[in-house]
């Protein structure tokens, strides 16, 4: 578009945005089974948009100037605490999302360990299935990750291994409810007990599952999840995203602490400058109250009974999906999902999950590819939301998946040239030259102009074959090529 000021009318501007959106994955209808969460309820988006617009200009930086921020946040945190085992002293913070909630949990634990135990070289103990947000937090805040393996059949860590990994420098132990990759809940009771016995904080990452699991256990006649929340002795903090199974617009998560004193270890305050006194409970300073208001409005609209019904539908749909996948020759579900996340791998030789993903995407379905790592083989990740919970939609998905498997068998696996992959694997990630980066990306099938191929299976196959440090070095280069400036 013309960059000159006032170059387009409202219709022209909105039409341009519509054209841009046309290339994106759909966010409604249940065909995008990652990244988006759709309740399938009429009018919910419109209500959220109106609430967001009403508070878009309100600045959450200073709640003394905008007391509405405090009122809304107290309501939301209180609702989350009541659902997820909080007691009278439970405190919480509204954040921009799961990553910020996890970052703040780690930052708080670092401060707590330093001030109460004198730990100056802190460690964080977590299973290899824990979300990358905790490794990001460790990198940002100077903690050393101590990674515990998981069982290759259940994809859960052994509590004894977790206990053995806890040492005098451990600032935080992390459990997942569920872990994202396979949808299984870690043994939170035993992990939290091991942390408490050693005087260490324990955080439960319930970002993707907390709102769903908390409401599912309120539903009559369906199985309750294993204990995972603040009611479990030893659990000192918990994160839960509202923009996942709360079905609010993006930018809404809650970090709960067992008490306000613990929460204070993560706050930042500064008066040593000539400007206004600064107090931040989150990583952000200035922040719009739009997401806060939108989340509050959606929570009020759906209500407890509504979320229980949505959780029931998702639970039943997940069970039907797992059962249906078991009937498709060549596929198997990894582990036994406790929540609404399903990982699907090939059962036997000759079938490439990445090729299946390409076949599904070409027909309007997005199933998220997950490369092999540790005991987890290459697989497809499916997030079941309320929008896909209709029996007819599940049947449609299973039919499409079976047909995609048949086509993928005919096409065969995407296999990188062993010689080229071997040559690329000799590259040192720490000393890559621009020429070597270009070579490695060319091997992976990423064009110099950043245009990704229609079929991603060959790219994923190469990246999967390379050592993880090299892949981690190359991924930012892939994303960098997408941006012209």
Protein backbone atom coordinates (compact mmCIF):
# COMPACT_ATOMS: atom_id res chain seq x y z
CA UNK A 1 0.00 0.00 0.00
CA UNK A 2 0.96 3.65 -0.43
CA UNK A 3 2.95 4.77 2.62
CA UNK A 4 1.82 8.39 2.35
CA UNK A 5 -0.32 9.58 5.23
CA UNK A 6 -4.02 9.46 4.51
CA UNK A 7 -3.47 7.39 1.38
CA UNK A 8 -6.46 5.10 1.82
CA UNK A 9 -9.99 5.23 3.07
CA UNK A 10 -11.36 2.89 5.71
CA UNK A 11 -12.71 0.40 3.17
CA UNK A 12 -9.40 0.26 1.31
CA UNK A 13 -7.44 -0.28 4.52
CA UNK A 14 -9.74 -3.03 5.73
CA UNK A 15 -9.79 -4.67 2.32
CA UNK A 16 -5.99 -4.84 2.38
CA UNK A 17 -6.10 -6.51 5.80
CA UNK A 18 -8.63 -9.00 4.48
CA UNK A 19 -6.30 -9.87 1.61
CA UNK A 20 -3.45 -10.46 4.05
CA UNK A 21 -5.63 -12.67 6.25
CA UNK A 22 -6.63 -14.79 3.27
CA UNK A 23 -3.18 -16.39 3.28
CA UNK A 24 -3.40 -17.35 6.97
CA UNK A 25 -4.71 -20.49 8.57
CA UNK A 26 -8.37 -20.21 9.57
CA UNK A 27 -8.95 -19.40 13.25
CA UNK A 28 -12.48 -20.77 13.39
CA UNK A 29 -14.13 -24.01 12.36
CA UNK A 30 -11.85 -26.54 14.04
CA UNK A 31 -9.60 -27.29 11.04
CA UNK A 32 -6.53 -25.55 12.50
CA UNK A 33 -5.52 -27.95 15.26
CA UNK A 34 -2.76 -25.83 16.80
CA UNK A 35 -2.22 -22.20 17.81
CA UNK A 36 -5.92 -21.23 17.90
CA UNK A 37 -8.76 -22.08 20.26
CA UNK A 38 -12.35 -21.85 19.12
CA UNK A 39 -15.31 -22.33 21.43
CA UNK A 40 -17.71 -22.44 18.50
CA UNK A 41 -20.11 -20.17 20.43
CA UNK A 42 -21.97 -17.51 18.48
CA UNK A 43 -21.39 -13.92 19.55
CA UNK A 44 -18.34 -14.56 21.74
CA UNK A 45 -15.88 -12.84 19.40
CA UNK A 46 -18.13 -9.82 19.03
CA UNK A 47 -18.49 -9.42 22.80
CA UNK A 48 -14.74 -9.74 23.30
CA UNK A 49 -14.04 -7.19 20.56
CA UNK A 50 -16.39 -4.65 22.13
CA UNK A 51 -14.86 -5.14 25.58
CA UNK A 52 -11.36 -4.89 24.14
CA UNK A 53 -12.20 -1.68 22.28
CA UNK A 54 -13.67 -0.11 25.43
CA UNK A 55 -10.39 -0.66 27.33
CA UNK A 56 -7.82 -0.52 24.52
CA UNK A 57 -6.53 2.87 25.62
CA UNK A 58 -6.40 2.07 29.34
CA UNK A 59 -2.78 1.68 30.47
CA UNK A 60 -2.14 -1.16 32.90
CA UNK A 61 1.22 0.36 33.82
CA UNK A 62 -0.30 2.43 36.63
CA UNK A 63 -3.26 0.81 38.33
CA UNK A 64 -3.58 3.77 40.70
CA UNK A 65 -4.51 5.93 37.71
CA UNK A 66 -6.76 3.22 36.23
CA UNK A 67 -8.44 1.38 39.12
CA UNK A 68 -10.57 -0.57 36.63
CA UNK A 69 -7.44 -2.65 35.95
CA UNK A 70 -7.31 -3.75 39.58
CA UNK A 71 -11.01 -4.59 39.67
CA UNK A 72 -10.89 -6.71 36.53
CA UNK A 73 -7.65 -8.45 37.46
CA UNK A 74 -8.88 -9.28 40.97
CA UNK A 75 -12.03 -10.83 39.48
CA UNK A 76 -10.09 -12.95 37.00
CA UNK A 77 -7.40 -14.07 39.45
CA UNK A 78 -10.05 -14.92 42.02
CA UNK A 79 -11.94 -17.05 39.54
CA UNK A 80 -8.77 -18.89 38.54
CA UNK A 81 -7.77 -19.44 42.17
CA UNK A 82 -11.16 -20.90 43.10
CA UNK A 83 -11.03 -23.27 40.13
CA UNK A 84 -7.44 -24.39 40.63
CA UNK A 85 -7.08 -25.16 44.31
CA UNK A 86 -6.19 -21.75 45.67
CA UNK A 87 -6.82 -20.92 49.31
CA UNK A 88 -7.62 -17.67 51.15
CA UNK A 89 -4.08 -16.34 50.76
CA UNK A 90 -3.61 -17.18 47.09
CA UNK A 91 -2.29 -14.31 44.96
CA UNK A 92 -1.97 -13.96 41.22
CA UNK A 93 -1.00 -11.84 38.25
CA UNK A 94 -2.64 -11.39 34.86
CA UNK A 95 -0.05 -11.74 32.08
CA UNK A 96 0.16 -11.58 28.30
CA UNK A 97 0.37 -15.33 27.81
CA UNK A 98 1.83 -18.64 28.88
CA UNK A 99 5.41 -17.73 28.08
CA UNK A 100 5.28 -14.60 30.23
CA UNK A 101 3.62 -16.54 33.06
CA UNK A 102 6.37 -19.17 32.93
CA UNK A 103 9.11 -16.52 32.71
CA UNK A 104 7.70 -14.79 35.79
CA UNK A 105 7.46 -18.06 37.70
CA UNK A 106 11.16 -18.70 37.06
CA UNK A 107 12.14 -15.10 37.82
CA UNK A 108 10.23 -15.26 41.11
CA UNK A 109 11.87 -18.55 42.04
CA UNK A 110 15.30 -17.11 41.30
CA UNK A 111 14.63 -14.16 43.58
CA UNK A 112 13.17 -16.38 46.30
CA UNK A 113 16.15 -18.76 46.21
CA UNK A 114 18.63 -15.88 46.40
CA UNK A 115 16.90 -14.06 49.24
CA UNK A 116 15.83 -16.99 51.40
CA UNK A 117 18.59 -19.55 50.74
CA UNK A 118 21.50 -17.52 49.39
CA UNK A 119 21.55 -19.34 46.04
CA UNK A 120 23.71 -17.37 43.58
CA UNK A 121 24.08 -19.91 40.74
CA UNK A 122 20.53 -21.24 40.50
CA UNK A 123 19.30 -24.32 38.66
CA UNK A 124 15.87 -25.33 37.39
CA UNK A 125 14.84 -29.00 37.35
CA UNK A 126 12.43 -30.03 34.62
CA UNK A 127 11.50 -32.98 32.44
CA UNK A 128 12.68 -33.08 28.84
CA UNK A 129 9.01 -32.66 27.87
CA UNK A 130 8.68 -29.31 29.69
CA UNK A 131 7.75 -26.33 27.55
CA UNK A 132 10.63 -24.38 25.92
CA UNK A 133 9.45 -21.28 27.79
CA UNK A 134 11.33 -22.56 30.84
CA UNK A 135 14.55 -22.92 28.86
CA UNK A 136 13.96 -19.42 27.54
CA UNK A 137 13.56 -18.20 31.12
CA UNK A 138 16.75 -19.98 32.15
CA UNK A 139 18.64 -18.33 29.30
CA UNK A 140 17.25 -14.88 30.08
CA UNK A 141 17.64 -15.01 33.86
CA UNK A 142 20.87 -16.98 34.24
CA UNK A 143 19.66 -20.35 35.52
CA UNK A 144 21.08 -23.72 34.55
CA UNK A 145 18.50 -26.25 33.32
CA UNK A 146 18.79 -29.75 34.79
CA UNK A 147 16.81 -31.95 32.42
CA UNK A 148 15.23 -35.23 33.53
CA UNK A 149 14.40 -37.95 30.96
CA UNK A 150 10.89 -39.34 30.50
CA UNK A 151 9.61 -42.86 30.13
CA UNK A 152 9.50 -43.79 26.40
CA UNK A 153 6.04 -45.35 26.76
CA UNK A 154 4.26 -42.88 29.06
CA UNK A 155 6.35 -39.74 28.36
CA UNK A 156 6.28 -38.91 32.08
CA UNK A 157 9.34 -38.36 34.26
CA UNK A 158 10.09 -40.77 37.09
CA UNK A 159 9.59 -38.88 40.40
CA UNK A 160 12.72 -40.58 41.73
CA UNK A 161 14.74 -39.09 38.88
CA UNK A 162 13.29 -35.66 39.61
CA UNK A 163 14.11 -36.00 43.30
CA UNK A 164 17.67 -37.08 42.49
CA UNK A 165 18.12 -34.01 40.26
CA UNK A 166 17.20 -31.55 43.04
CA UNK A 167 20.30 -30.10 44.66
CA UNK A 168 21.36 -27.19 46.90
CA UNK A 169 21.28 -24.79 43.93
CA UNK A 170 17.82 -25.77 42.70
CA UNK A 171 15.57 -22.72 42.64
CA UNK A 172 12.53 -24.33 40.99
CA UNK A 173 11.12 -27.71 40.04
CA UNK A 174 8.65 -27.79 37.14
CA UNK A 175 5.78 -30.17 36.43
CA UNK A 176 3.40 -30.10 33.46
CA UNK A 177 -0.37 -30.52 33.44
CA UNK A 178 -0.24 -31.58 30.71
CA UNK A 179 3.03 -31.52 28.81
CA UNK A 180 2.32 -30.06 25.39
CA UNK A 181 3.89 -32.65 23.10
CA UNK A 182 1.89 -35.68 24.25
CA UNK A 183 -0.93 -34.34 26.42
CA UNK A 184 0.04 -36.33 29.53
CA UNK A 185 0.10 -35.01 33.09
CA UNK A 186 3.34 -35.37 35.03
CA UNK A 187 3.19 -37.07 38.47
CA UNK A 188 2.64 -33.72 40.16
CA UNK A 189 1.93 -35.05 43.66
CA UNK A 190 5.25 -36.90 43.88
CA UNK A 191 7.25 -34.15 42.16
CA UNK A 192 5.84 -31.47 44.48
CA UNK A 193 6.47 -33.64 47.54
CA UNK A 194 10.11 -34.12 46.53
CA UNK A 195 10.54 -30.37 46.06
CA UNK A 196 8.84 -29.53 49.37
CA UNK A 197 10.99 -32.05 51.25
CA UNK A 198 14.05 -30.13 50.09
CA UNK A 199 12.59 -26.67 50.65
CA UNK A 200 12.38 -25.88 46.93
CA UNK A 201 9.56 -24.17 45.05
CA UNK A 202 7.46 -26.20 42.60
CA UNK A 203 5.67 -24.71 39.61
CA UNK A 204 2.96 -26.48 37.63
CA UNK A 205 2.71 -25.46 34.00
CA UNK A 206 -1.04 -25.80 33.39
CA UNK A 207 -1.01 -23.14 30.69
CA UNK A 208 -2.72 -25.24 28.07
CA UNK A 209 -4.63 -27.64 30.29
CA UNK A 210 -5.57 -25.91 33.51
CA UNK A 211 -8.82 -24.24 32.49
CA UNK A 212 -10.04 -27.35 30.68
CA UNK A 213 -8.94 -29.84 33.34
CA UNK A 214 -10.28 -27.72 36.18
CA UNK A 215 -13.73 -27.59 34.62
CA UNK A 216 -13.66 -31.19 33.41
CA UNK A 217 -13.44 -32.46 36.96
CA UNK A 218 -16.64 -30.57 37.76
CA UNK A 219 -18.55 -32.53 35.11
CA UNK A 220 -20.61 -35.51 36.22
CA UNK A 221 -20.00 -38.90 34.71
CA UNK A 222 -16.57 -38.40 33.15
CA UNK A 223 -13.14 -39.20 34.46
CA UNK A 224 -11.37 -36.63 36.63
CA UNK A 225 -7.72 -35.82 35.85
CA UNK A 226 -4.93 -36.69 38.30
CA UNK A 227 -4.30 -34.03 40.97
CA UNK A 228 -2.25 -31.17 39.55
CA UNK A 229 -3.16 -27.79 41.03
CA UNK A 230 -2.47 -25.59 44.07
CA UNK A 231 -4.43 -27.98 46.29
CA UNK A 232 -1.53 -30.43 45.92
CA UNK A 233 0.87 -30.02 48.87
CA UNK A 234 4.16 -28.57 47.72
CA UNK A 235 2.85 -26.82 44.60
CA UNK A 236 3.78 -23.18 45.10
CA UNK A 237 2.76 -21.63 41.77
CA UNK A 238 0.69 -22.49 38.71
CA UNK A 239 0.18 -20.92 35.29
CA UNK A 240 -3.04 -21.16 33.29
CA UNK A 241 -3.84 -19.51 29.98
CA UNK A 242 -7.27 -18.04 29.40
CA UNK A 243 -6.72 -17.58 25.68
CA UNK A 244 -6.55 -21.34 25.29
CA UNK A 245 -9.44 -23.25 26.83
CA UNK A 246 -10.95 -20.10 28.32
CA UNK A 247 -11.48 -19.18 24.64
CA UNK A 248 -10.64 -15.52 25.26
CA UNK A 249 -8.73 -13.42 22.71
CA UNK A 250 -4.96 -13.78 22.68
CA UNK A 251 -3.00 -12.02 25.38
CA UNK A 252 -4.58 -13.54 28.51
CA UNK A 253 -2.93 -15.78 31.10
CA UNK A 254 -2.85 -16.01 34.89
CA UNK A 255 0.07 -16.86 37.16
CA UNK A 256 -1.08 -18.01 40.60
CA UNK A 257 1.09 -18.09 43.75
CA UNK A 258 0.37 -19.79 47.04
CA UNK A 259 0.58 -16.36 48.73
CA UNK A 260 1.32 -12.69 48.08
CA UNK A 261 4.69 -12.82 49.83
CA UNK A 262 6.01 -15.31 47.30
CA UNK A 263 4.65 -13.24 44.42
CA UNK A 264 6.65 -10.19 45.56
CA UNK A 265 9.95 -11.94 44.79
CA UNK A 266 9.21 -11.43 41.10
CA UNK A 267 8.11 -7.80 41.16
CA UNK A 268 10.30 -4.95 39.98
CA UNK A 269 10.33 -1.54 41.66
CA UNK A 270 12.50 1.47 40.87
CA UNK A 271 12.67 4.96 42.37
CA UNK A 272 16.30 5.86 41.65
CA UNK A 273 15.61 8.18 38.74
CA UNK A 274 13.97 11.60 38.37
CA UNK A 275 10.76 10.25 36.86
CA UNK A 276 7.67 8.57 38.28
CA UNK A 277 8.05 5.61 40.70
CA UNK A 278 7.85 2.33 38.78
CA UNK A 279 6.34 -0.94 40.04
CA UNK A 280 5.92 -3.81 37.59
CA UNK A 281 4.30 -7.14 38.39
CA UNK A 282 4.90 -8.35 34.83
CA UNK A 283 7.68 -8.13 32.27
CA UNK A 284 5.75 -5.43 30.45
CA UNK A 285 5.52 -1.83 31.55
CA UNK A 286 2.95 -0.06 29.46
CA UNK A 287 0.26 -2.51 28.41
CA UNK A 288 -3.23 -2.12 27.08
CA UNK A 289 -6.05 -3.26 29.35
CA UNK A 290 -7.90 -4.44 26.23
CA UNK A 291 -6.94 -8.13 26.59
CA UNK A 292 -7.79 -7.99 30.30
CA UNK A 293 -11.26 -6.59 29.64
CA UNK A 294 -11.87 -8.97 26.75
CA UNK A 295 -10.89 -11.95 28.91
CA UNK A 296 -13.11 -10.78 31.77
CA UNK A 297 -16.07 -10.37 29.41
CA UNK A 298 -15.69 -13.85 27.92
CA UNK A 299 -15.33 -15.48 31.34
CA UNK A 300 -18.50 -13.75 32.50
CA UNK A 301 -20.39 -14.72 29.35
CA UNK A 302 -19.49 -18.41 29.31
CA UNK A 303 -19.61 -18.94 33.07
CA UNK A 304 -18.75 -22.04 35.07
CA UNK A 305 -21.63 -24.13 33.71
CA UNK A 306 -20.69 -23.18 30.16
CA UNK A 307 -17.05 -24.13 30.63
CA UNK A 308 -18.01 -27.43 32.22
CA UNK A 309 -20.14 -28.26 29.18
CA UNK A 310 -17.36 -27.22 26.79
CA UNK A 311 -14.91 -29.38 28.75
CA UNK A 312 -17.29 -32.34 28.56
CA UNK A 313 -17.56 -31.97 24.79
CA UNK A 314 -13.79 -31.73 24.38
CA UNK A 315 -13.22 -34.75 26.62
CA UNK A 316 -15.67 -36.89 24.66
CA UNK A 317 -14.29 -35.69 21.32
CA UNK A 318 -10.72 -36.46 22.37
CA UNK A 319 -11.72 -39.97 23.34
CA UNK A 320 -13.50 -40.50 20.01
CA UNK A 321 -10.49 -39.15 18.13
CA UNK A 322 -8.02 -41.41 19.95
CA UNK A 323 -10.27 -44.41 19.35
CA UNK A 324 -10.71 -43.54 15.67
CA UNK A 325 -6.98 -43.05 15.10
CA UNK A 326 -6.44 -46.51 16.56
CA UNK A 327 -8.51 -47.91 13.69
CA UNK A 328 -6.40 -46.27 10.97
CA UNK A 329 -3.79 -48.70 9.70
CA UNK A 330 -0.33 -47.21 10.06
CA UNK A 331 -1.02 -44.75 12.90
CA UNK A 332 -0.65 -44.93 16.66
CA UNK A 333 -1.23 -42.50 19.50
CA UNK A 334 1.81 -41.78 21.66
CA UNK A 335 1.22 -42.35 25.35
CA UNK A 336 -2.23 -42.14 26.91
CA UNK A 337 -3.40 -38.52 26.74
CA UNK A 338 -4.81 -37.12 29.99
CA UNK A 339 -6.05 -33.95 28.37
CA UNK A 340 -7.11 -32.68 24.95
CA UNK A 341 -3.77 -32.98 23.15
CA UNK A 342 -3.03 -35.99 20.97
CA UNK A 343 0.31 -36.96 19.38
CA UNK A 344 0.04 -39.33 16.41
CA UNK A 345 3.04 -41.25 15.09
CA UNK A 346 3.55 -43.81 12.34
CA UNK A 347 3.05 -47.42 13.32
CA UNK A 348 5.64 -49.27 11.27
CA UNK A 349 7.82 -48.41 8.29
CA UNK A 350 7.00 -46.56 5.11
CA UNK A 351 4.77 -43.80 6.48
CA UNK A 352 6.09 -40.28 7.11
CA UNK A 353 3.97 -38.17 9.50
CA UNK A 354 5.35 -35.02 7.88
CA UNK A 355 4.03 -36.12 4.49
CA UNK A 356 0.67 -36.85 6.11
CA UNK A 357 0.72 -33.30 7.51
CA UNK A 358 1.33 -31.88 4.04
CA UNK A 359 -1.51 -33.93 2.59
CA UNK A 360 -3.88 -32.72 5.31
CA UNK A 361 -2.86 -29.09 4.88
CA UNK A 362 -3.43 -29.23 1.13
CA UNK A 363 -7.02 -30.17 1.95
CA UNK A 364 -7.63 -27.46 4.51
CA UNK A 365 -6.52 -29.10 7.78
CA UNK A 366 -3.52 -28.06 9.86
CA UNK A 367 -1.97 -30.78 12.02
CA UNK A 368 1.21 -29.61 13.73
CA UNK A 369 4.38 -31.57 12.86
CA UNK A 370 6.61 -32.48 15.82
CA UNK A 371 10.12 -33.72 14.91
CA UNK A 372 11.62 -36.71 16.69
CA UNK A 373 13.41 -35.96 19.95
CA UNK A 374 14.65 -38.32 22.64
CA UNK A 375 12.18 -41.20 23.02
CA UNK A 376 9.50 -39.38 21.03
CA UNK A 377 9.37 -40.24 17.32
CA UNK A 378 8.27 -37.84 14.60
CA UNK A 379 4.56 -37.23 15.01
CA UNK A 380 1.58 -34.99 14.40
CA UNK A 381 0.12 -32.92 17.21
CA UNK A 382 -3.65 -32.39 17.37
CA UNK A 383 -5.24 -29.89 19.76
CA UNK A 384 -8.92 -30.71 20.28
CA UNK A 385 -11.06 -27.65 20.96
CA UNK A 386 -14.80 -27.22 21.35
CA UNK A 387 -15.11 -26.25 17.68
CA UNK A 388 -13.91 -29.68 16.59
CA UNK A 389 -15.96 -31.53 19.21
CA UNK A 390 -18.98 -32.12 17.01
CA UNK A 391 -19.22 -35.87 16.20
CA UNK A 392 -19.67 -35.08 12.52
CA UNK A 393 -16.50 -32.97 12.50
CA UNK A 394 -14.53 -35.74 14.25
CA UNK A 395 -15.81 -38.24 11.69
CA UNK A 396 -14.80 -35.88 8.88
CA UNK A 397 -11.33 -35.46 10.37
CA UNK A 398 -10.81 -39.21 10.72
CA UNK A 399 -11.95 -39.80 7.13
CA UNK A 400 -9.57 -37.13 5.84
CA UNK A 401 -6.74 -38.50 7.98
CA UNK A 402 -7.20 -42.05 6.70
CA UNK A 403 -7.18 -40.79 3.11
CA UNK A 404 -4.07 -38.68 3.78
CA UNK A 405 -2.29 -41.74 5.20
CA UNK A 406 -3.09 -43.68 2.03
CA UNK A 407 -1.74 -40.89 -0.18
CA UNK A 408 1.36 -40.50 2.00
CA UNK A 409 2.12 -44.21 1.64
CA UNK A 410 2.03 -43.83 -2.13
CA UNK A 411 4.27 -40.74 -2.06
CA UNK A 412 6.76 -42.32 0.34
CA UNK A 413 8.79 -40.67 3.12
CA UNK A 414 10.67 -37.40 2.70
CA UNK A 415 14.24 -38.62 3.14
CA UNK A 416 17.21 -36.23 3.07
CA UNK A 417 20.32 -37.22 1.15
CA UNK A 418 22.49 -38.88 3.83
CA UNK A 419 25.71 -37.50 2.34
CA UNK A 420 24.46 -33.91 2.30
CA UNK A 421 22.97 -34.20 5.77
CA UNK A 422 26.23 -35.68 7.03
CA UNK A 423 28.19 -32.80 5.55
CA UNK A 424 25.86 -30.24 7.10
CA UNK A 425 26.11 -31.97 10.45
CA UNK A 426 29.85 -31.29 10.56
CA UNK A 427 29.23 -27.56 10.73
CA UNK A 428 29.94 -25.86 14.06
CA UNK A 429 26.86 -23.83 15.11
CA UNK A 430 29.01 -21.43 17.12
CA UNK A 431 31.23 -20.44 14.19
CA UNK A 432 28.95 -20.63 11.15
CA UNK A 433 29.88 -18.23 8.38
CA UNK A 434 27.18 -16.61 6.21
CA UNK A 435 28.21 -18.96 3.39
CA UNK A 436 27.77 -22.01 5.62
CA UNK A 437 24.39 -20.77 6.80
CA UNK A 438 23.30 -20.36 3.18
CA UNK A 439 24.56 -23.87 2.38
CA UNK A 440 22.76 -25.45 5.33
CA UNK A 441 19.50 -23.69 4.49
CA UNK A 442 19.82 -24.71 0.87
CA UNK A 443 20.22 -28.30 2.03
CA UNK A 444 17.06 -27.88 4.08
CA UNK A 445 15.15 -26.55 1.06
CA UNK A 446 14.73 -22.98 2.30
CA UNK A 447 14.99 -20.48 -0.55
CA UNK A 448 17.17 -17.38 -0.28
CA UNK A 449 14.10 -15.17 -0.67
CA UNK A 450 12.50 -16.77 2.39
CA UNK A 451 9.62 -18.31 0.49
CA UNK A 452 8.81 -21.64 2.12
CA UNK A 453 7.85 -24.58 -0.09
CA UNK A 454 4.25 -25.73 -0.32
CA UNK A 455 5.28 -29.10 1.04
CA UNK A 456 7.25 -28.81 4.25
CA UNK A 457 8.03 -32.50 4.79
CA UNK A 458 11.45 -32.33 3.02
CA UNK A 459 12.46 -29.28 5.07
CA UNK A 460 11.39 -30.90 8.33
CA UNK A 461 13.16 -34.12 7.43
CA UNK A 462 16.47 -32.30 7.01
CA UNK A 463 16.09 -30.22 10.15
CA UNK A 464 15.20 -33.36 12.08
CA UNK A 465 18.32 -35.13 10.80
CA UNK A 466 20.68 -32.36 11.92
CA UNK A 467 22.04 -32.09 15.47
CA UNK A 468 19.75 -30.01 17.70
CA UNK A 469 22.33 -27.22 18.30
CA UNK A 470 22.71 -26.74 14.55
CA UNK A 471 18.95 -26.71 14.02
CA UNK A 472 18.58 -24.13 16.79
CA UNK A 473 21.22 -22.00 15.06
CA UNK A 474 19.48 -22.28 11.69
CA UNK A 475 15.87 -21.71 12.76
CA UNK A 476 16.37 -17.98 13.47
CA UNK A 477 17.96 -17.69 10.03
CA UNK A 478 14.87 -19.28 8.46
CA UNK A 479 12.61 -16.78 10.21
CA UNK A 480 14.98 -13.92 9.37
CA UNK A 481 14.56 -14.66 5.68
CA UNK A 482 10.80 -14.20 5.99
CA UNK A 483 11.31 -10.55 6.89
CA UNK A 484 12.55 -8.18 4.23
CA UNK A 485 13.69 -5.51 6.70
